[in-house]
Amino acid sequence: MYSPKVKEDLIPILHKLAQQEQKPITALVDEMIRAEIRKRNGEVDASNNETVSKGVKKTADAGGS
């Protein structure tokens, strides 16, 4: 399975955010990536019940690229 590396300059930023939200960096990054995928797919943002703009086709669920 493909496991991309996070750029070194992002680690301190992610670490600080994860500490603020009291969660592991991995959980924070997963949450952030999933939210961005939903946003780009034009899915409803559960935090404010708004539909966001259409974007990338749903390939993440199918394992495509």
PDB file of N, CA and C in Angstrom:
ATOM      1  N   MET A   1       0.841  -1.176   0.000  1.00  0.00           N
ATOM      2  CA  MET A   1       0.000   0.000   0.000  1.00  0.00           C
ATOM      3  C   MET A   1       0.892   1.248   0.000  1.00  0.00           C
ATOM      4  N   TYR A   2       0.476   2.264  -0.705  1.00  0.00           N
ATOM      5  CA  TYR A   2       1.213   3.524  -0.799  1.00  0.00           C
ATOM      6  C   TYR A   2       1.079   4.302   0.500  1.00  0.00           C
ATOM      7  N   SER A   3       2.195   4.692   1.060  1.00  0.00           N
ATOM      8  CA  SER A   3       2.211   5.484   2.297  1.00  0.00           C
ATOM      9  C   SER A   3       3.073   6.721   2.094  1.00  0.00           C
ATOM     10  N   PRO A   4       2.464   7.820   1.653  1.00  0.00           N
ATOM     11  CA  PRO A   4       3.250   9.028   1.400  1.00  0.00           C
ATOM     12  C   PRO A   4       3.816   9.621   2.684  1.00  0.00           C
ATOM     13  N   LYS A   5       4.947  10.258   2.564  1.00  0.00           N
ATOM     14  CA  LYS A   5       5.583  10.902   3.715  1.00  0.00           C
ATOM     15  C   LYS A   5       5.114  12.351   3.810  1.00  0.00           C
ATOM     16  N   VAL A   6       5.007  12.814   5.031  1.00  0.00           N
ATOM     17  CA  VAL A   6       4.639  14.200   5.285  1.00  0.00           C
ATOM     18  C   VAL A   6       5.918  15.026   5.229  1.00  0.00           C
ATOM     19  N   LYS A   7       5.865  16.157   4.554  1.00  0.00           N
ATOM     20  CA  LYS A   7       7.032  17.040   4.460  1.00  0.00           C
ATOM     21  C   LYS A   7       7.462  17.486   5.850  1.00  0.00           C
ATOM     22  N   GLU A   8       8.759  17.538   6.069  1.00  0.00           N
ATOM     23  CA  GLU A   8       9.328  17.850   7.385  1.00  0.00           C
ATOM     24  C   GLU A   8       8.855  19.180   7.953  1.00  0.00           C
ATOM     25  N   ASP A   9       8.650  20.183   7.083  1.00  0.00           N
ATOM     26  CA  ASP A   9       8.249  21.492   7.587  1.00  0.00           C
ATOM     27  C   ASP A   9       6.817  21.499   8.133  1.00  0.00           C
ATOM     28  N   LEU A  10       6.026  20.486   7.787  1.00  0.00           N
ATOM     29  CA  LEU A  10       4.650  20.410   8.290  1.00  0.00           C
ATOM     30  C   LEU A  10       4.547  19.742   9.659  1.00  0.00           C
ATOM     31  N   ILE A  11       5.547  18.968  10.021  1.00  0.00           N
ATOM     32  CA  ILE A  11       5.484  18.199  11.271  1.00  0.00           C
ATOM     33  C   ILE A  11       5.276  19.091  12.496  1.00  0.00           C
ATOM     34  N   PRO A  12       6.050  20.174  12.691  1.00  0.00           N
ATOM     35  CA  PRO A  12       5.820  21.014  13.869  1.00  0.00           C
ATOM     36  C   PRO A  12       4.424  21.646  13.889  1.00  0.00           C
ATOM     37  N   ILE A  13       3.934  22.014  12.716  1.00  0.00           N
ATOM     38  CA  ILE A  13       2.605  22.618  12.628  1.00  0.00           C
ATOM     39  C   ILE A  13       1.545  21.593  13.004  1.00  0.00           C
ATOM     40  N   LEU A  14       1.657  20.400  12.431  1.00  0.00           N
ATOM     41  CA  LEU A  14       0.700  19.336  12.739  1.00  0.00           C
ATOM     42  C   LEU A  14       0.783  18.933  14.209  1.00  0.00           C
ATOM     43  N   HIS A  15       1.989  18.898  14.738  1.00  0.00           N
ATOM     44  CA  HIS A  15       2.177  18.537  16.149  1.00  0.00           C
ATOM     45  C   HIS A  15       1.455  19.535  17.060  1.00  0.00           C
ATOM     46  N   LYS A  16       1.612  20.812  16.758  1.00  0.00           N
ATOM     47  CA  LYS A  16       0.972  21.851  17.572  1.00  0.00           C
ATOM     48  C   LYS A  16      -0.548  21.758  17.476  1.00  0.00           C
ATOM     49  N   LEU A  17      -1.078  21.576  16.257  1.00  0.00           N
ATOM     50  CA  LEU A  17      -2.516  21.442  16.068  1.00  0.00           C
ATOM     51  C   LEU A  17      -3.056  20.208  16.791  1.00  0.00           C
ATOM     52  N   ALA A  18      -2.326  19.113  16.689  1.00  0.00           N
ATOM     53  CA  ALA A  18      -2.754  17.875  17.349  1.00  0.00           C
ATOM     54  C   ALA A  18      -2.783  18.048  18.866  1.00  0.00           C
ATOM     55  N   GLN A  19      -1.797  18.741  19.401  1.00  0.00           N
ATOM     56  CA  GLN A  19      -1.785  19.014  20.840  1.00  0.00           C
ATOM     57  C   GLN A  19      -2.979  19.871  21.235  1.00  0.00           C
ATOM     58  N   GLN A  20      -3.270  20.900  20.447  1.00  0.00           N
ATOM     59  CA  GLN A  20      -4.401  21.778  20.729  1.00  0.00           C
ATOM     60  C   GLN A  20      -5.720  21.016  20.721  1.00  0.00           C
ATOM     61  N   GLU A  21      -5.835  20.050  19.819  1.00  0.00           N
ATOM     62  CA  GLU A  21      -7.071  19.277  19.695  1.00  0.00           C
ATOM     63  C   GLU A  21      -7.035  17.993  20.522  1.00  0.00           C
ATOM     64  N   GLN A  22      -5.930  17.774  21.211  1.00  0.00           N
ATOM     65  CA  GLN A  22      -5.740  16.612  22.086  1.00  0.00           C
ATOM     66  C   GLN A  22      -6.031  15.297  21.360  1.00  0.00           C
ATOM     67  N   LYS A  23      -5.347  15.127  20.216  1.00  0.00           N
ATOM     68  CA  LYS A  23      -5.478  13.894  19.451  1.00  0.00           C
ATOM     69  C   LYS A  23      -4.143  13.580  18.793  1.00  0.00           C
ATOM     70  N   PRO A  24      -3.923  12.341  18.417  1.00  0.00           N
ATOM     71  CA  PRO A  24      -2.672  11.984  17.731  1.00  0.00           C
ATOM     72  C   PRO A  24      -2.580  12.680  16.370  1.00  0.00           C
ATOM     73  N   ILE A  25      -1.357  12.936  15.933  1.00  0.00           N
ATOM     74  CA  ILE A  25      -1.138  13.567  14.628  1.00  0.00           C
ATOM     75  C   ILE A  25      -1.791  12.732  13.529  1.00  0.00           C
ATOM     76  N   THR A  26      -1.684  11.410  13.616  1.00  0.00           N
ATOM     77  CA  THR A  26      -2.258  10.555  12.581  1.00  0.00           C
ATOM     78  C   THR A  26      -3.767  10.747  12.480  1.00  0.00           C
ATOM     79  N   ALA A  27      -4.443  10.872  13.610  1.00  0.00           N
ATOM     80  CA  ALA A  27      -5.895  11.085  13.608  1.00  0.00           C
ATOM     81  C   ALA A  27      -6.229  12.451  13.018  1.00  0.00           C
ATOM     82  N   LEU A  28      -5.440  13.460  13.374  1.00  0.00           N
ATOM     83  CA  LEU A  28      -5.652  14.809  12.859  1.00  0.00           C
ATOM     84  C   LEU A  28      -5.486  14.839  11.342  1.00  0.00           C
ATOM     85  N   VAL A  29      -4.409  14.257  10.845  1.00  0.00           N
ATOM     86  CA  VAL A  29      -4.136  14.256   9.406  1.00  0.00           C
ATOM     87  C   VAL A  29      -5.226  13.486   8.662  1.00  0.00           C
ATOM     88  N   ASP A  30      -5.636  12.351   9.190  1.00  0.00           N
ATOM     89  CA  ASP A  30      -6.703  11.570   8.574  1.00  0.00           C
ATOM     90  C   ASP A  30      -7.983  12.400   8.467  1.00  0.00           C
ATOM     91  N   GLU A  31      -8.333  13.061   9.562  1.00  0.00           N
ATOM     92  CA  GLU A  31      -9.534  13.909   9.608  1.00  0.00           C
ATOM     93  C   GLU A  31      -9.448  15.038   8.583  1.00  0.00           C
ATOM     94  N   MET A  32      -8.283  15.676   8.499  1.00  0.00           N
ATOM     95  CA  MET A  32      -8.093  16.791   7.583  1.00  0.00           C
ATOM     96  C   MET A  32      -8.188  16.335   6.121  1.00  0.00           C
ATOM     97  N   ILE A  33      -7.570  15.225   5.817  1.00  0.00           N
ATOM     98  CA  ILE A  33      -7.584  14.713   4.446  1.00  0.00           C
ATOM     99  C   ILE A  33      -8.998  14.306   4.047  1.00  0.00           C
ATOM    100  N   ARG A  34      -9.688  13.599   4.932  1.00  0.00           N
ATOM    101  CA  ARG A  34     -11.061  13.171   4.627  1.00  0.00           C
ATOM    102  C   ARG A  34     -11.989  14.365   4.418  1.00  0.00           C
ATOM    103  N   ALA A  35     -11.832  15.402   5.235  1.00  0.00           N
ATOM    104  CA  ALA A  35     -12.657  16.607   5.092  1.00  0.00           C
ATOM    105  C   ALA A  35     -12.396  17.277   3.749  1.00  0.00           C
ATOM    106  N   GLU A  36     -11.142  17.348   3.343  1.00  0.00           N
ATOM    107  CA  GLU A  36     -10.799  17.978   2.061  1.00  0.00           C
ATOM    108  C   GLU A  36     -11.326  17.149   0.892  1.00  0.00           C
ATOM    109  N   ILE A  37     -11.262  15.829   0.994  1.00  0.00           N
ATOM    110  CA  ILE A  37     -11.800  14.968  -0.064  1.00  0.00           C
ATOM    111  C   ILE A  37     -13.308  15.179  -0.193  1.00  0.00           C
ATOM    112  N   ARG A  38     -14.015  15.209   0.954  1.00  0.00           N
ATOM    113  CA  ARG A  38     -15.462  15.455   0.917  1.00  0.00           C
ATOM    114  C   ARG A  38     -15.771  16.807   0.286  1.00  0.00           C
ATOM    115  N   LYS A  39     -14.987  17.825   0.649  1.00  0.00           N
ATOM    116  CA  LYS A  39     -15.167  19.171   0.114  1.00  0.00           C
ATOM    117  C   LYS A  39     -15.002  19.177  -1.402  1.00  0.00           C
ATOM    118  N   ARG A  40     -13.966  18.546  -1.873  1.00  0.00           N
ATOM    119  CA  ARG A  40     -13.684  18.538  -3.309  1.00  0.00           C
ATOM    120  C   ARG A  40     -14.670  17.685  -4.089  1.00  0.00           C
ATOM    121  N   ASN A  41     -15.311  16.746  -3.404  1.00  0.00           N
ATOM    122  CA  ASN A  41     -16.323  15.913  -4.053  1.00  0.00           C
ATOM    123  C   ASN A  41     -17.698  16.551  -4.016  1.00  0.00           C
ATOM    124  N   GLY A  42     -17.815  17.738  -3.416  1.00  0.00           N
ATOM    125  CA  GLY A  42     -19.090  18.434  -3.378  1.00  0.00           C
ATOM    126  C   GLY A  42     -20.070  17.849  -2.399  1.00  0.00           C
ATOM    127  N   GLU A  43     -19.558  17.172  -1.393  1.00  0.00           N
ATOM    128  CA  GLU A  43     -20.426  16.581  -0.385  1.00  0.00           C
ATOM    129  C   GLU A  43     -20.796  17.604   0.670  1.00  0.00           C
ATOM    130  N   VAL A  44     -21.840  17.331   1.412  1.00  0.00           N
ATOM    131  CA  VAL A  44     -22.309  18.245   2.444  1.00  0.00           C
ATOM    132  C   VAL A  44     -21.304  18.274   3.588  1.00  0.00           C
ATOM    133  N   ASP A  45     -20.976  19.482   4.015  1.00  0.00           N
ATOM    134  CA  ASP A  45     -20.091  19.678   5.156  1.00  0.00           C
ATOM    135  C   ASP A  45     -20.945  19.588   6.409  1.00  0.00           C
ATOM    136  N   ALA A  46     -20.758  18.534   7.182  1.00  0.00           N
ATOM    137  CA  ALA A  46     -21.592  18.289   8.364  1.00  0.00           C
ATOM    138  C   ALA A  46     -21.459  19.388   9.413  1.00  0.00           C
ATOM    139  N   SER A  47     -20.352  20.121   9.420  1.00  0.00           N
ATOM    140  CA  SER A  47     -20.142  21.141  10.446  1.00  0.00           C
ATOM    141  C   SER A  47     -21.046  22.358  10.260  1.00  0.00           C
ATOM    142  N   ASN A  48     -21.452  22.638   9.010  1.00  0.00           N
ATOM    143  CA  ASN A  48     -22.320  23.801   8.798  1.00  0.00           C
ATOM    144  C   ASN A  48     -23.475  23.521   7.846  1.00  0.00           C
ATOM    145  N   ASN A  49     -23.685  22.236   7.512  1.00  0.00           N
ATOM    146  CA  ASN A  49     -24.799  21.799   6.667  1.00  0.00           C
ATOM    147  C   ASN A  49     -24.873  22.508   5.326  1.00  0.00           C
ATOM    148  N   GLU A  50     -23.729  22.850   4.769  1.00  0.00           N
ATOM    149  CA  GLU A  50     -23.696  23.483   3.455  1.00  0.00           C
ATOM    150  C   GLU A  50     -23.075  22.525   2.459  1.00  0.00           C
ATOM    151  N   THR A  51     -23.572  22.550   1.236  1.00  0.00           N
ATOM    152  CA  THR A  51     -22.950  21.768   0.184  1.00  0.00           C
ATOM    153  C   THR A  51     -21.787  22.576  -0.358  1.00  0.00           C
ATOM    154  N   VAL A  52     -20.640  21.950  -0.430  1.00  0.00           N
ATOM    155  CA  VAL A  52     -19.458  22.644  -0.928  1.00  0.00           C
ATOM    156  C   VAL A  52     -19.317  22.389  -2.422  1.00  0.00           C
ATOM    157  N   SER A  53     -18.467  23.160  -3.080  1.00  0.00           N
ATOM    158  CA  SER A  53     -18.347  23.098  -4.528  1.00  0.00           C
ATOM    159  C   SER A  53     -17.908  21.732  -5.029  1.00  0.00           C
ATOM    160  N   LYS A  54     -18.347  21.389  -6.244  1.00  0.00           N
ATOM    161  CA  LYS A  54     -17.990  20.112  -6.870  1.00  0.00           C
ATOM    162  C   LYS A  54     -16.522  20.138  -7.272  1.00  0.00           C
ATOM    163  N   GLY A  55     -15.902  18.987  -7.212  1.00  0.00           N
ATOM    164  CA  GLY A  55     -14.485  18.929  -7.565  1.00  0.00           C
ATOM    165  C   GLY A  55     -14.089  17.560  -8.056  1.00  0.00           C
ATOM    166  N   VAL A  56     -13.217  16.920  -7.335  1.00  0.00           N
ATOM    167  CA  VAL A  56     -12.633  15.642  -7.706  1.00  0.00           C
ATOM    168  C   VAL A  56     -13.683  14.549  -7.679  1.00  0.00           C
ATOM    169  N   LYS A  57     -13.635  13.665  -8.671  1.00  0.00           N
ATOM    170  CA  LYS A  57     -14.543  12.530  -8.677  1.00  0.00           C
ATOM    171  C   LYS A  57     -14.197  11.603  -7.523  1.00  0.00           C
ATOM    172  N   LYS A  58     -15.168  10.861  -7.060  1.00  0.00           N
ATOM    173  CA  LYS A  58     -14.967   9.968  -5.925  1.00  0.00           C
ATOM    174  C   LYS A  58     -14.127   8.764  -6.328  1.00  0.00           C
ATOM    175  N   THR A  59     -12.824   8.908  -6.171  1.00  0.00           N
ATOM    176  CA  THR A  59     -11.923   7.816  -6.488  1.00  0.00           C
ATOM    177  C   THR A  59     -11.326   7.213  -5.233  1.00  0.00           C
ATOM    178  N   ALA A  60     -11.364   7.935  -4.126  1.00  0.00           N
ATOM    179  CA  ALA A  60     -10.760   7.446  -2.907  1.00  0.00           C
ATOM    180  C   ALA A  60     -11.461   6.202  -2.412  1.00  0.00           C
ATOM    181  N   ASP A  61     -12.798   6.149  -2.509  1.00  0.00           N
ATOM    182  CA  ASP A  61     -13.536   4.996  -2.044  1.00  0.00           C
ATOM    183  C   ASP A  61     -13.261   3.766  -2.906  1.00  0.00           C
ATOM    184  N   ALA A  62     -13.038   3.988  -4.200  1.00  0.00           N
ATOM    185  CA  ALA A  62     -12.806   2.889  -5.119  1.00  0.00           C
ATOM    186  C   ALA A  62     -11.342   2.478  -5.166  1.00  0.00           C
ATOM    187  N   GLY A  63     -10.492   3.198  -4.468  1.00  0.00           N
ATOM    188  CA  GLY A  63      -9.075   2.883  -4.457  1.00  0.00           C
ATOM    189  C   GLY A  63      -8.362   3.349  -5.715  1.00  0.00           C
ATOM    190  N   GLY A  64      -9.005   4.169  -6.510  1.00  0.00           N
ATOM    191  CA  GLY A  64      -8.395   4.653  -7.752  1.00  0.00           C
ATOM    192  C   GLY A  64      -7.549   5.871  -7.523  1.00  0.00           C
ATOM    193  N   SER A  65      -7.014   6.405  -8.618  1.00  0.00           N
ATOM    194  CA  SER A  65      -6.169   7.601  -8.478  1.00  0.00           C
ATOM    195  C   SER A  65      -6.763   8.765  -9.203  1.00  0.00           C
TER     196      SER A  65
END
